[in-house]
Protein backbone atom coordinates (compact mmCIF):
# COMPACT_ATOMS: atom_id res chain seq x y z
CA MET A 1 17.87 37.45 16.42
CA ILE A 2 20.63 34.90 17.01
CA ALA A 3 18.30 32.75 19.14
CA VAL A 4 15.70 32.69 16.36
CA THR A 5 18.32 31.80 13.74
CA THR A 6 19.70 29.03 15.95
CA LYS A 7 16.22 27.59 16.51
CA VAL A 8 15.42 27.69 12.79
CA THR A 9 18.71 25.98 11.98
CA ARG A 10 18.04 23.30 14.61
CA VAL A 11 14.56 22.67 13.19
CA ARG A 12 15.97 22.34 9.66
CA ILE A 13 18.61 19.88 10.82
CA GLN A 14 16.01 17.80 12.68
CA PHE A 15 13.81 17.78 9.56
CA PHE A 16 16.62 16.45 7.37
CA VAL A 17 17.69 13.86 9.97
CA ARG A 18 14.14 12.55 10.30
CA ARG A 19 13.73 12.53 6.54
CA HIS A 20 16.95 10.54 6.15
CA GLN A 21 15.92 8.08 8.85
CA ALA A 22 12.52 7.61 7.22
CA GLY A 23 14.27 6.47 4.05
CA LYS A 24 15.84 3.57 5.93
CA HIS A 25 12.48 2.01 6.66
CA GLU A 26 10.66 0.05 4.04
CA GLN A 27 8.07 2.25 2.41
CA LYS A 28 4.61 0.88 1.86
CA GLN A 29 3.05 0.80 -1.57
CA GLY A 30 0.44 3.53 -2.08
CA THR A 31 -3.13 2.52 -2.65
CA PRO A 32 -4.10 2.32 -6.32
CA LYS A 33 -7.55 3.56 -5.33
CA MET A 34 -6.14 6.99 -4.48
CA ASP A 35 -4.20 7.05 -7.76
CA LEU A 36 -7.41 6.44 -9.68
CA ILE A 37 -9.22 9.16 -7.76
CA VAL A 38 -6.50 11.73 -8.52
CA PHE A 39 -6.39 10.65 -12.17
CA GLY A 40 -10.18 10.96 -12.40
CA ILE A 41 -10.09 14.45 -10.88
CA GLY A 42 -7.48 15.46 -13.46
CA ILE A 43 -9.60 14.18 -16.35
CA LEU A 44 -12.67 15.90 -14.91
CA PHE A 45 -10.79 19.19 -14.61
CA PHE A 46 -9.57 18.88 -18.20
CA ALA A 47 -13.10 18.15 -19.47
CA LEU A 48 -14.55 21.09 -17.53
CA SER A 49 -11.82 23.35 -18.91
CA LEU A 50 -12.68 22.36 -22.48
CA ALA A 51 -16.39 22.91 -21.81
CA TYR A 52 -15.61 26.36 -20.37
CA VAL A 53 -13.56 27.32 -23.43
CA LYS A 54 -16.32 26.10 -25.75
CA ALA A 55 -18.93 28.08 -23.80
CA CYS A 56 -16.78 31.22 -23.92
CA ASN A 57 -16.26 30.87 -27.67
CA SER A 58 -19.99 30.72 -28.27
CA ILE A 59 -20.55 34.06 -26.53
């Protein structure tokens, strides 16, 4: 049990160290194309939700 706890603790520490080191590097700007795709999916989901509610109300 102690070995497992030690390994988990070591993995957590390595995660936070790597995360901190990644912040030192200059981050690249995300692609606006992906932003538009996610935004479009959100609008599509909202429209389909409204259509589903309207269809259920007509039943």
